[in-house]
Amino acid sequence: MAIVRLKKGTKRFEVTCYNNKIQDWRSGVEQDLGEVVGLLSVYTSVSKAQLASSKELKDNFGTTDQDWIVREILKKGEIQVGDQERARHFSSLRQQIASQISEKTVDPSSNRPYTTGLIEKAMVEVGFSIKPEKPVKVQVLDCIRLLQASSTLPIQRARMRVRITLPAEDGAKLIGRITSTAEAVEEDDLGEKTWTVTILIDPSQFRVLLDLVQKTDGRARLETLALAATRES
């Protein structure tokens, strides 16, 4: 169980709820209040089992309608999480971040991904701080930059393999700009009518290529084939 706390004036009001349901209720996924709260009761202190009096509710909420007040507290209150639950949440976030880093990066000497366990150890080594309020995707990119700058673990972003197909006349104009984004050219076929090129790029160059392709008004096609980093036998 979790506690949601809302301060009104000088008073603090609390309700109990199932910690795996409160976010669903706030996002609108869960509509049944009975599935969210433990008891339809308003407390001034859950830990001391002190229920709020009708006068306290009326003075601070303008009503004694407990259903409405509980909804108000759930909507606007701060979720209080115990130490164990907070530790589990941090552990889950750390594993998510490490897993995504493992998918997006490689050991540059072998071009193979690191295990999640090795990534987690490297995160500890550089002192990466998990921020529960920050999107995981943003934290993954932040952590990769920190690992590259400070970790003893050699690491680089996995390269993307992309194929571009476009009319030969456009290819003649764009060939220099397209190949300049590549770290390696795997295929380069300039025919009479079409030009097809397959290249490895740093993921940061994908937007550059996409902008170039879009300027051809639909005459070119950009395909993402795979991340170049794969576990090879």
C-alpha atoms as a PDB file:
ATOM      1  CA  MET A   1       0.000   0.000   0.000  1.00  0.00           C
ATOM      2  CA  ALA A   2       1.024   3.588  -0.618  1.00  0.00           C
ATOM      3  CA  ILE A   3      -0.133   6.849   0.914  1.00  0.00           C
ATOM      4  CA  VAL A   4      -1.205   9.927  -1.021  1.00  0.00           C
ATOM      5  CA  ARG A   5      -0.829  13.122   0.978  1.00  0.00           C
ATOM      6  CA  LEU A   6      -2.330  16.551   0.316  1.00  0.00           C
ATOM      7  CA  LYS A   7      -1.745  19.660   2.400  1.00  0.00           C
ATOM      8  CA  LYS A   8      -4.672  22.079   2.729  1.00  0.00           C
ATOM      9  CA  GLY A   9      -3.849  25.213   4.680  1.00  0.00           C
ATOM     10  CA  THR A  10      -2.058  24.057   7.812  1.00  0.00           C
ATOM     11  CA  LYS A  11      -3.622  20.588   7.736  1.00  0.00           C
ATOM     12  CA  ARG A  12      -2.343  17.420   6.089  1.00  0.00           C
ATOM     13  CA  PHE A  13      -4.791  14.859   4.719  1.00  0.00           C
ATOM     14  CA  GLU A  14      -3.979  11.329   3.614  1.00  0.00           C
ATOM     15  CA  VAL A  15      -5.620   8.369   1.876  1.00  0.00           C
ATOM     16  CA  THR A  16      -4.300   4.862   1.346  1.00  0.00           C
ATOM     17  CA  CYS A  17      -4.112   3.362  -2.131  1.00  0.00           C
ATOM     18  CA  TYR A  18      -2.638   0.447  -4.050  1.00  0.00           C
ATOM     19  CA  ASN A  19       0.695   1.683  -5.384  1.00  0.00           C
ATOM     20  CA  ASN A  20       0.309  -0.294  -8.616  1.00  0.00           C
ATOM     21  CA  LYS A  21      -3.031   1.414  -9.339  1.00  0.00           C
ATOM     22  CA  ILE A  22      -2.578   5.094  -8.535  1.00  0.00           C
ATOM     23  CA  GLN A  23      -0.767   5.966 -11.784  1.00  0.00           C
ATOM     24  CA  ASP A  24      -3.359   4.023 -13.805  1.00  0.00           C
ATOM     25  CA  TRP A  25      -6.096   6.061 -12.117  1.00  0.00           C
ATOM     26  CA  ARG A  26      -4.328   9.362 -12.738  1.00  0.00           C
ATOM     27  CA  SER A  27      -3.833   8.533 -16.417  1.00  0.00           C
ATOM     28  CA  GLY A  28      -7.463   7.477 -16.802  1.00  0.00           C
ATOM     29  CA  VAL A  29      -6.735   3.785 -17.415  1.00  0.00           C
ATOM     30  CA  GLU A  30      -8.459   2.816 -14.146  1.00  0.00           C
ATOM     31  CA  GLN A  31     -11.899   4.349 -13.540  1.00  0.00           C
ATOM     32  CA  ASP A  32     -13.107   2.320 -10.543  1.00  0.00           C
ATOM     33  CA  LEU A  33     -12.117   4.153  -7.352  1.00  0.00           C
ATOM     34  CA  GLY A  34     -12.659   0.960  -5.356  1.00  0.00           C
ATOM     35  CA  GLU A  35      -9.821  -0.681  -7.302  1.00  0.00           C
ATOM     36  CA  VAL A  36      -7.467   2.143  -6.309  1.00  0.00           C
ATOM     37  CA  VAL A  37      -8.024   2.932  -2.634  1.00  0.00           C
ATOM     38  CA  GLY A  38      -7.754   0.580   0.309  1.00  0.00           C
ATOM     39  CA  LEU A  39     -10.528   2.318   2.273  1.00  0.00           C
ATOM     40  CA  LEU A  40     -12.744   5.216   1.309  1.00  0.00           C
ATOM     41  CA  SER A  41     -11.502   7.153   4.332  1.00  0.00           C
ATOM     42  CA  VAL A  42      -9.603  10.382   4.822  1.00  0.00           C
ATOM     43  CA  TYR A  43      -6.930  10.544   7.511  1.00  0.00           C
ATOM     44  CA  THR A  44      -4.903  13.266   9.105  1.00  0.00           C
ATOM     45  CA  SER A  45      -2.326  10.548   9.831  1.00  0.00           C
ATOM     46  CA  VAL A  46      -2.497   7.044   8.374  1.00  0.00           C
ATOM     47  CA  SER A  47       0.412   5.834  10.524  1.00  0.00           C
ATOM     48  CA  LYS A  48      -1.471   6.839  13.693  1.00  0.00           C
ATOM     49  CA  ALA A  49      -4.863   5.715  12.298  1.00  0.00           C
ATOM     50  CA  GLN A  50      -6.254   9.219  12.895  1.00  0.00           C
ATOM     51  CA  LEU A  51      -9.326   9.888  10.754  1.00  0.00           C
ATOM     52  CA  ALA A  52     -10.110  13.440   9.702  1.00  0.00           C
ATOM     53  CA  SER A  53     -13.166  14.876  11.427  1.00  0.00           C
ATOM     54  CA  SER A  54     -16.174  16.186   9.523  1.00  0.00           C
ATOM     55  CA  LYS A  55     -15.277  19.703  10.710  1.00  0.00           C
ATOM     56  CA  GLU A  56     -11.723  19.393   9.387  1.00  0.00           C
ATOM     57  CA  LEU A  57     -13.023  18.204   6.039  1.00  0.00           C
ATOM     58  CA  LYS A  58     -15.659  20.929   5.820  1.00  0.00           C
ATOM     59  CA  ASP A  59     -13.242  23.681   6.856  1.00  0.00           C
ATOM     60  CA  ASN A  60     -10.576  22.670   4.334  1.00  0.00           C
ATOM     61  CA  PHE A  61     -12.468  21.150   1.407  1.00  0.00           C
ATOM     62  CA  GLY A  62     -15.809  22.920   1.719  1.00  0.00           C
ATOM     63  CA  THR A  63     -17.618  19.576   1.853  1.00  0.00           C
ATOM     64  CA  THR A  64     -17.789  16.361   3.868  1.00  0.00           C
ATOM     65  CA  ASP A  65     -18.340  14.209   0.768  1.00  0.00           C
ATOM     66  CA  GLN A  66     -15.586  11.648   1.320  1.00  0.00           C
ATOM     67  CA  ASP A  67     -15.840  10.224  -2.211  1.00  0.00           C
ATOM     68  CA  TRP A  68     -15.160  13.671  -3.715  1.00  0.00           C
ATOM     69  CA  ILE A  69     -12.405  14.443  -1.194  1.00  0.00           C
ATOM     70  CA  VAL A  70     -10.634  11.125  -1.790  1.00  0.00           C
ATOM     71  CA  ARG A  71     -10.665  11.810  -5.543  1.00  0.00           C
ATOM     72  CA  GLU A  72      -9.287  15.310  -4.931  1.00  0.00           C
ATOM     73  CA  ILE A  73      -6.442  13.956  -2.785  1.00  0.00           C
ATOM     74  CA  LEU A  74      -5.630  11.224  -5.315  1.00  0.00           C
ATOM     75  CA  LYS A  75      -5.591  13.778  -8.129  1.00  0.00           C
ATOM     76  CA  LYS A  76      -3.528  16.515  -6.468  1.00  0.00           C
ATOM     77  CA  GLY A  77      -1.667  14.801  -3.630  1.00  0.00           C
ATOM     78  CA  GLU A  78       1.906  13.613  -3.369  1.00  0.00           C
ATOM     79  CA  ILE A  79       2.492   9.869  -3.424  1.00  0.00           C
ATOM     80  CA  GLN A  80       4.441   8.719  -0.383  1.00  0.00           C
ATOM     81  CA  VAL A  81       6.503   5.624  -1.091  1.00  0.00           C
ATOM     82  CA  GLY A  82       8.219   3.523   1.571  1.00  0.00           C
ATOM     83  CA  ASP A  83      11.964   2.871   1.551  1.00  0.00           C
ATOM     84  CA  GLN A  84      11.583  -0.694   0.265  1.00  0.00           C
ATOM     85  CA  GLU A  85       9.239   0.304  -2.523  1.00  0.00           C
ATOM     86  CA  ARG A  86      11.526   3.206  -3.475  1.00  0.00           C
ATOM     87  CA  ALA A  87      14.510   0.847  -3.587  1.00  0.00           C
ATOM     88  CA  ARG A  88      12.605  -1.588  -5.823  1.00  0.00           C
ATOM     89  CA  HIS A  89      11.614   1.258  -8.135  1.00  0.00           C
ATOM     90  CA  PHE A  90      15.196   2.503  -8.406  1.00  0.00           C
ATOM     91  CA  SER A  91      16.419  -1.051  -9.066  1.00  0.00           C
ATOM     92  CA  SER A  92      13.836  -1.495 -11.816  1.00  0.00           C
ATOM     93  CA  LEU A  93      14.805   1.817 -13.428  1.00  0.00           C
ATOM     94  CA  ARG A  94      18.497   0.939 -13.256  1.00  0.00           C
ATOM     95  CA  GLN A  95      17.827  -2.386 -14.996  1.00  0.00           C
ATOM     96  CA  GLN A  96      15.722  -0.700 -17.698  1.00  0.00           C
ATOM     97  CA  ILE A  97      18.432   1.865 -18.385  1.00  0.00           C
ATOM     98  CA  ALA A  98      21.209  -0.750 -18.420  1.00  0.00           C
ATOM     99  CA  SER A  99      19.184  -3.007 -20.728  1.00  0.00           C
ATOM    100  CA  GLN A 100      18.575  -0.216 -23.241  1.00  0.00           C
ATOM    101  CA  ILE A 101      22.221   0.838 -23.127  1.00  0.00           C
ATOM    102  CA  SER A 102      23.202  -2.781 -23.841  1.00  0.00           C
ATOM    103  CA  GLU A 103      20.932  -2.735 -26.909  1.00  0.00           C
ATOM    104  CA  LYS A 104      22.288   0.586 -28.209  1.00  0.00           C
ATOM    105  CA  THR A 105      26.043   0.226 -27.608  1.00  0.00           C
ATOM    106  CA  VAL A 106      28.937  -2.119 -28.320  1.00  0.00           C
ATOM    107  CA  ASP A 107      32.483  -2.931 -27.322  1.00  0.00           C
ATOM    108  CA  PRO A 108      34.364  -1.120 -30.134  1.00  0.00           C
ATOM    109  CA  SER A 109      37.060  -3.813 -30.255  1.00  0.00           C
ATOM    110  CA  SER A 110      34.628  -6.647 -31.002  1.00  0.00           C
ATOM    111  CA  ASN A 111      31.520  -4.777 -32.210  1.00  0.00           C
ATOM    112  CA  ARG A 112      29.476  -6.874 -29.786  1.00  0.00           C
ATOM    113  CA  PRO A 113      27.058  -5.700 -27.074  1.00  0.00           C
ATOM    114  CA  TYR A 114      27.983  -5.764 -23.408  1.00  0.00           C
ATOM    115  CA  THR A 115      25.793  -7.697 -20.991  1.00  0.00           C
ATOM    116  CA  THR A 116      23.355  -5.754 -18.839  1.00  0.00           C
ATOM    117  CA  GLY A 117      25.356  -6.784 -15.769  1.00  0.00           C
ATOM    118  CA  LEU A 118      28.550  -5.209 -17.084  1.00  0.00           C
ATOM    119  CA  ILE A 119      26.678  -2.024 -17.967  1.00  0.00           C
ATOM    120  CA  GLU A 120      25.222  -1.816 -14.445  1.00  0.00           C
ATOM    121  CA  LYS A 121      28.711  -2.182 -12.931  1.00  0.00           C
ATOM    122  CA  ALA A 122      29.988   0.597 -15.192  1.00  0.00           C
ATOM    123  CA  MET A 123      27.069   2.815 -14.128  1.00  0.00           C
ATOM    124  CA  VAL A 124      28.113   2.353 -10.505  1.00  0.00           C
ATOM    125  CA  GLU A 125      31.738   3.043 -11.415  1.00  0.00           C
ATOM    126  CA  VAL A 126      30.949   6.462 -12.918  1.00  0.00           C
ATOM    127  CA  GLY A 127      28.404   7.312 -10.215  1.00  0.00           C
ATOM    128  CA  PHE A 128      25.418   7.636 -12.542  1.00  0.00           C
ATOM    129  CA  SER A 129      22.436   8.952 -10.581  1.00  0.00           C
ATOM    130  CA  ILE A 130      18.964   7.558 -11.371  1.00  0.00           C
ATOM    131  CA  LYS A 131      16.269  10.243 -11.580  1.00  0.00           C
ATOM    132  CA  PRO A 132      12.762   8.757 -11.206  1.00  0.00           C
ATOM    133  CA  GLU A 133      11.084  11.886 -12.606  1.00  0.00           C
ATOM    134  CA  LYS A 134      13.167  11.874 -15.804  1.00  0.00           C
ATOM    135  CA  PRO A 135      12.199   9.795 -18.891  1.00  0.00           C
ATOM    136  CA  VAL A 136      14.194   6.577 -19.252  1.00  0.00           C
ATOM    137  CA  LYS A 137      15.089   7.391 -22.878  1.00  0.00           C
ATOM    138  CA  VAL A 138      16.745  10.663 -21.818  1.00  0.00           C
ATOM    139  CA  GLN A 139      18.607   8.963 -18.967  1.00  0.00           C
ATOM    140  CA  VAL A 140      19.894   6.280 -21.346  1.00  0.00           C
ATOM    141  CA  LEU A 141      21.490   8.920 -23.600  1.00  0.00           C
ATOM    142  CA  ASP A 142      22.861  10.830 -20.595  1.00  0.00           C
ATOM    143  CA  CYS A 143      24.363   7.655 -19.179  1.00  0.00           C
ATOM    144  CA  ILE A 144      25.967   6.651 -22.492  1.00  0.00           C
ATOM    145  CA  ARG A 145      27.691  10.039 -22.675  1.00  0.00           C
ATOM    146  CA  LEU A 146      28.916   9.686 -19.080  1.00  0.00           C
ATOM    147  CA  LEU A 147      30.192   6.154 -19.676  1.00  0.00           C
ATOM    148  CA  GLN A 148      32.066   7.280 -22.784  1.00  0.00           C
ATOM    149  CA  ALA A 149      33.649  10.157 -20.882  1.00  0.00           C
ATOM    150  CA  SER A 150      34.448   8.534 -17.539  1.00  0.00           C
ATOM    151  CA  SER A 151      34.153   4.741 -17.567  1.00  0.00           C
ATOM    152  CA  THR A 152      37.050   2.292 -17.891  1.00  0.00           C
ATOM    153  CA  LEU A 153      34.689   0.216 -20.058  1.00  0.00           C
ATOM    154  CA  PRO A 154      35.326   1.002 -23.754  1.00  0.00           C
ATOM    155  CA  ILE A 155      31.919   1.745 -25.245  1.00  0.00           C
ATOM    156  CA  GLN A 156      30.419   3.307 -28.346  1.00  0.00           C
ATOM    157  CA  ARG A 157      26.992   3.678 -29.908  1.00  0.00           C
ATOM    158  CA  ALA A 158      26.003   0.764 -32.142  1.00  0.00           C
ATOM    159  CA  ARG A 159      26.070   1.785 -35.781  1.00  0.00           C
ATOM    160  CA  MET A 160      22.902   1.760 -37.875  1.00  0.00           C
ATOM    161  CA  ARG A 161      22.827   0.020 -41.229  1.00  0.00           C
ATOM    162  CA  VAL A 162      20.652   1.959 -43.686  1.00  0.00           C
ATOM    163  CA  ARG A 163      19.911   1.666 -47.390  1.00  0.00           C
ATOM    164  CA  ILE A 164      19.022   4.603 -49.615  1.00  0.00           C
ATOM    165  CA  THR A 165      17.514   4.148 -53.056  1.00  0.00           C
ATOM    166  CA  LEU A 166      16.922   7.130 -55.327  1.00  0.00           C
ATOM    167  CA  PRO A 167      16.960   8.119 -59.001  1.00  0.00           C
ATOM    168  CA  ALA A 168      20.435   8.284 -60.535  1.00  0.00           C
ATOM    169  CA  GLU A 169      20.104  12.008 -61.268  1.00  0.00           C
ATOM    170  CA  ASP A 170      19.409  12.724 -57.587  1.00  0.00           C
ATOM    171  CA  GLY A 171      22.167  10.343 -56.574  1.00  0.00           C
ATOM    172  CA  ALA A 172      24.700  12.248 -58.639  1.00  0.00           C
ATOM    173  CA  LYS A 173      23.767  15.433 -56.752  1.00  0.00           C
ATOM    174  CA  LEU A 174      23.590  13.928 -53.270  1.00  0.00           C
ATOM    175  CA  ILE A 175      26.237  11.209 -53.329  1.00  0.00           C
ATOM    176  CA  GLY A 176      28.851  13.336 -51.580  1.00  0.00           C
ATOM    177  CA  ARG A 177      26.513  14.564 -48.849  1.00  0.00           C
ATOM    178  CA  ILE A 178      25.102  11.092 -48.207  1.00  0.00           C
ATOM    179  CA  THR A 179      28.414   9.236 -48.062  1.00  0.00           C
ATOM    180  CA  SER A 180      29.899  11.948 -45.840  1.00  0.00           C
ATOM    181  CA  THR A 181      27.520  10.784 -43.066  1.00  0.00           C
ATOM    182  CA  ALA A 182      28.812   7.207 -43.311  1.00  0.00           C
ATOM    183  CA  GLU A 183      31.430   5.494 -41.217  1.00  0.00           C
ATOM    184  CA  ALA A 184      31.526   2.702 -43.793  1.00  0.00           C
ATOM    185  CA  VAL A 185      30.002   2.148 -47.238  1.00  0.00           C
ATOM    186  CA  GLU A 186      28.919  -1.473 -47.670  1.00  0.00           C
ATOM    187  CA  GLU A 187      27.200  -1.177 -51.052  1.00  0.00           C
ATOM    188  CA  ASP A 188      27.402   1.516 -53.724  1.00  0.00           C
ATOM    189  CA  ASP A 189      25.535   0.765 -56.939  1.00  0.00           C
ATOM    190  CA  LEU A 190      25.057   3.692 -59.309  1.00  0.00           C
ATOM    191  CA  GLY A 191      23.137   2.493 -62.327  1.00  0.00           C
ATOM    192  CA  GLU A 192      21.619   4.255 -65.316  1.00  0.00           C
ATOM    193  CA  LYS A 193      18.280   4.860 -63.575  1.00  0.00           C
ATOM    194  CA  THR A 194      18.792   4.365 -59.860  1.00  0.00           C
ATOM    195  CA  TRP A 195      21.467   4.650 -57.204  1.00  0.00           C
ATOM    196  CA  THR A 196      21.435   2.313 -54.219  1.00  0.00           C
ATOM    197  CA  VAL A 197      23.816   2.726 -51.325  1.00  0.00           C
ATOM    198  CA  THR A 198      24.040   0.804 -48.043  1.00  0.00           C
ATOM    199  CA  ILE A 199      26.029   2.486 -45.288  1.00  0.00           C
ATOM    200  CA  LEU A 200      26.838   2.257 -41.599  1.00  0.00           C
ATOM    201  CA  ILE A 201      26.169   5.448 -39.668  1.00  0.00           C
ATOM    202  CA  ASP A 202      26.243   6.746 -36.151  1.00  0.00           C
ATOM    203  CA  PRO A 203      22.569   7.039 -35.038  1.00  0.00           C
ATOM    204  CA  SER A 204      23.034  10.806 -34.694  1.00  0.00           C
ATOM    205  CA  GLN A 205      23.388  11.012 -38.514  1.00  0.00           C
ATOM    206  CA  PHE A 206      20.001   9.436 -39.220  1.00  0.00           C
ATOM    207  CA  ARG A 207      18.169  12.770 -39.011  1.00  0.00           C
ATOM    208  CA  VAL A 208      20.654  14.298 -41.478  1.00  0.00           C
ATOM    209  CA  LEU A 209      19.938  11.521 -43.979  1.00  0.00           C
ATOM    210  CA  LEU A 210      16.197  11.757 -43.427  1.00  0.00           C
ATOM    211  CA  ASP A 211      16.264  15.484 -44.190  1.00  0.00           C
ATOM    212  CA  LEU A 212      18.221  14.854 -47.404  1.00  0.00           C
ATOM    213  CA  VAL A 213      15.784  12.159 -48.526  1.00  0.00           C
ATOM    214  CA  GLN A 214      12.737  14.315 -47.776  1.00  0.00           C
ATOM    215  CA  LYS A 215      14.099  17.049 -50.029  1.00  0.00           C
ATOM    216  CA  THR A 216      13.706  14.712 -53.036  1.00  0.00           C
ATOM    217  CA  ASP A 217       9.891  15.013 -52.778  1.00  0.00           C
ATOM    218  CA  GLY A 218       9.280  11.294 -52.482  1.00  0.00           C
ATOM    219  CA  ARG A 219      11.698  10.128 -55.175  1.00  0.00           C
ATOM    220  CA  ALA A 220      14.075   8.568 -52.638  1.00  0.00           C
ATOM    221  CA  ARG A 221      13.555   5.796 -50.096  1.00  0.00           C
ATOM    222  CA  LEU A 222      15.406   5.404 -46.798  1.00  0.00           C
ATOM    223  CA  GLU A 223      15.336   2.006 -45.096  1.00  0.00           C
ATOM    224  CA  THR A 224      16.686   1.097 -41.664  1.00  0.00           C
ATOM    225  CA  LEU A 225      18.057  -2.423 -42.001  1.00  0.00           C
ATOM    226  CA  ALA A 226      19.372  -3.075 -38.482  1.00  0.00           C
ATOM    227  CA  LEU A 227      21.739  -2.004 -35.800  1.00  0.00           C
ATOM    228  CA  ALA A 228      25.181  -3.067 -36.944  1.00  0.00           C
ATOM    229  CA  ALA A 229      25.946  -4.465 -33.491  1.00  0.00           C
ATOM    230  CA  THR A 230      24.731  -8.067 -33.316  1.00  0.00           C
ATOM    231  CA  ARG A 231      25.818 -11.087 -31.351  1.00  0.00           C
ATOM    232  CA  GLU A 232      27.723 -13.031 -33.951  1.00  0.00           C
ATOM    233  CA  SER A 233      28.684 -16.653 -33.521  1.00  0.00           C
END
